[in-house]
Amino acid sequence: VKSSALAEFCEACAALLAASGRDRGRLRMDLHRELPWASCLSNDDFSLFMLIQEWARPEDLEAHVMAPHSQRFNMILPRML
C-alpha cells in the first residue's frame, strides 16, 4: 500500500472487516501489517499488509467475494497500490 494512501486503505479495510462480519460462514478475517525488522519489504513509500481469511465452506467465500462490500473494496484497492 502506498504511504500516501495509507489512511484511505485503513478506512476501506475497516469497512470491509465490519461488513464481512455479517457474512455467512466467516470464521476469521485478520489484517496484519508488516513490522519493521531485518529483510522487511515495507519502506518509506510502501507498506505490506496481509489479509488472512478463513471460511466455513467454499460457497461462503464465493458469496463473500460477490457481496457488494467486497466488490467495493476490490474496486478501490488498485489506486492504493
C-alpha atoms as a PDB file:
ATOM      1  CA  VAL A   1       0.000   0.000   0.000  1.00  0.00           C
ATOM      2  CA  LYS A   2       1.405   3.399  -0.955  1.00  0.00           C
ATOM      3  CA  SER A   3       2.185   5.531   2.086  1.00  0.00           C
ATOM      4  CA  SER A   4       0.158   8.368   0.599  1.00  0.00           C
ATOM      5  CA  ALA A   5      -2.911   6.080   0.563  1.00  0.00           C
ATOM      6  CA  LEU A   6      -2.451   4.515   3.997  1.00  0.00           C
ATOM      7  CA  ALA A   7      -5.332   6.341   5.706  1.00  0.00           C
ATOM      8  CA  GLU A   8      -7.732   5.583   2.847  1.00  0.00           C
ATOM      9  CA  PHE A   9      -6.638   1.924   2.860  1.00  0.00           C
ATOM     10  CA  CYS A  10      -7.194   1.592   6.613  1.00  0.00           C
ATOM     11  CA  GLU A  11     -10.675   3.117   6.309  1.00  0.00           C
ATOM     12  CA  ALA A  12     -11.538   0.770   3.439  1.00  0.00           C
ATOM     13  CA  CYS A  13     -10.272  -2.238   5.392  1.00  0.00           C
ATOM     14  CA  ALA A  14     -12.237  -1.231   8.485  1.00  0.00           C
ATOM     15  CA  ALA A  15     -15.411  -1.012   6.378  1.00  0.00           C
ATOM     16  CA  LEU A  16     -14.684  -4.368   4.732  1.00  0.00           C
ATOM     17  CA  LEU A  17     -13.990  -6.105   8.041  1.00  0.00           C
ATOM     18  CA  ALA A  18     -17.111  -4.668   9.663  1.00  0.00           C
ATOM     19  CA  ALA A  19     -19.388  -5.634   6.770  1.00  0.00           C
ATOM     20  CA  SER A  20     -17.771  -9.042   6.363  1.00  0.00           C
ATOM     21  CA  GLY A  21     -18.521  -9.831   9.985  1.00  0.00           C
ATOM     22  CA  ARG A  22     -22.117 -10.355   8.903  1.00  0.00           C
ATOM     23  CA  ASP A  23     -21.210 -12.726   6.054  1.00  0.00           C
ATOM     24  CA  ARG A  24     -22.362 -16.315   6.459  1.00  0.00           C
ATOM     25  CA  GLY A  25     -19.544 -18.748   7.165  1.00  0.00           C
ATOM     26  CA  ARG A  26     -16.852 -16.229   8.056  1.00  0.00           C
ATOM     27  CA  LEU A  27     -14.688 -17.882  10.675  1.00  0.00           C
ATOM     28  CA  ARG A  28     -11.801 -15.463  10.659  1.00  0.00           C
ATOM     29  CA  MET A  29     -10.627 -12.347   8.849  1.00  0.00           C
ATOM     30  CA  ASP A  30      -7.465 -10.732  10.189  1.00  0.00           C
ATOM     31  CA  LEU A  31      -5.476  -7.829   8.760  1.00  0.00           C
ATOM     32  CA  HIS A  32      -1.754  -7.764   9.543  1.00  0.00           C
ATOM     33  CA  ARG A  33       0.812  -5.059   8.787  1.00  0.00           C
ATOM     34  CA  GLU A  34       4.455  -5.942   8.364  1.00  0.00           C
ATOM     35  CA  LEU A  35       6.570  -4.704  11.252  1.00  0.00           C
ATOM     36  CA  PRO A  36       9.934  -3.097  10.556  1.00  0.00           C
ATOM     37  CA  TRP A  37      12.719  -5.615  11.028  1.00  0.00           C
ATOM     38  CA  ALA A  38      15.522  -7.230   9.064  1.00  0.00           C
ATOM     39  CA  SER A  39      14.644  -8.206   5.489  1.00  0.00           C
ATOM     40  CA  CYS A  40      11.259  -6.488   5.549  1.00  0.00           C
ATOM     41  CA  LEU A  41       9.599  -5.439   2.292  1.00  0.00           C
ATOM     42  CA  SER A  42       7.966  -2.278   3.617  1.00  0.00           C
ATOM     43  CA  ASN A  43       9.784   1.042   3.268  1.00  0.00           C
ATOM     44  CA  ASP A  44       9.002   4.775   3.428  1.00  0.00           C
ATOM     45  CA  ASP A  45       6.923   4.585   0.244  1.00  0.00           C
ATOM     46  CA  PHE A  46       5.137   1.267   0.669  1.00  0.00           C
ATOM     47  CA  SER A  47       3.657  -0.862   3.482  1.00  0.00           C
ATOM     48  CA  LEU A  48       2.987  -4.569   3.193  1.00  0.00           C
ATOM     49  CA  PHE A  49      -0.324  -5.858   4.572  1.00  0.00           C
ATOM     50  CA  MET A  50      -1.710  -9.397   4.664  1.00  0.00           C
ATOM     51  CA  LEU A  51      -5.388 -10.247   4.913  1.00  0.00           C
ATOM     52  CA  ILE A  52      -5.892 -13.723   6.376  1.00  0.00           C
ATOM     53  CA  GLN A  53      -9.334 -15.226   5.795  1.00  0.00           C
ATOM     54  CA  GLU A  54     -10.924 -18.480   6.909  1.00  0.00           C
ATOM     55  CA  TRP A  55     -14.341 -19.567   5.689  1.00  0.00           C
ATOM     56  CA  ALA A  56     -16.557 -22.489   6.722  1.00  0.00           C
ATOM     57  CA  ARG A  57     -17.306 -23.564   3.155  1.00  0.00           C
ATOM     58  CA  PRO A  58     -16.131 -22.633  -0.341  1.00  0.00           C
ATOM     59  CA  GLU A  59     -19.669 -21.426  -1.089  1.00  0.00           C
ATOM     60  CA  ASP A  60     -19.436 -18.921   1.779  1.00  0.00           C
ATOM     61  CA  LEU A  61     -16.213 -17.482   0.373  1.00  0.00           C
ATOM     62  CA  GLU A  62     -17.744 -17.279  -3.104  1.00  0.00           C
ATOM     63  CA  ALA A  63     -20.755 -15.397  -1.708  1.00  0.00           C
ATOM     64  CA  HIS A  64     -18.419 -13.029   0.168  1.00  0.00           C
ATOM     65  CA  VAL A  65     -16.408 -12.292  -2.981  1.00  0.00           C
ATOM     66  CA  MET A  66     -19.612 -11.381  -4.817  1.00  0.00           C
ATOM     67  CA  ALA A  67     -21.034  -9.283  -1.940  1.00  0.00           C
ATOM     68  CA  PRO A  68     -21.299  -5.509  -2.546  1.00  0.00           C
ATOM     69  CA  HIS A  69     -18.851  -4.659   0.259  1.00  0.00           C
ATOM     70  CA  SER A  70     -16.188  -6.954  -1.233  1.00  0.00           C
ATOM     71  CA  GLN A  71     -16.794  -5.649  -4.741  1.00  0.00           C
ATOM     72  CA  ARG A  72     -16.482  -2.067  -3.462  1.00  0.00           C
ATOM     73  CA  PHE A  73     -13.180  -2.858  -1.703  1.00  0.00           C
ATOM     74  CA  ASN A  74     -11.765  -4.641  -4.750  1.00  0.00           C
ATOM     75  CA  MET A  75     -12.740  -1.715  -6.975  1.00  0.00           C
ATOM     76  CA  ILE A  76     -10.932   0.955  -4.923  1.00  0.00           C
ATOM     77  CA  LEU A  77      -7.901  -1.133  -3.901  1.00  0.00           C
ATOM     78  CA  PRO A  78      -5.836  -0.761  -7.121  1.00  0.00           C
ATOM     79  CA  ARG A  79      -5.462   3.011  -6.735  1.00  0.00           C
ATOM     80  CA  MET A  80      -3.889   2.483  -3.307  1.00  0.00           C
ATOM     81  CA  LEU A  81      -1.238   0.034  -4.502  1.00  0.00           C
END
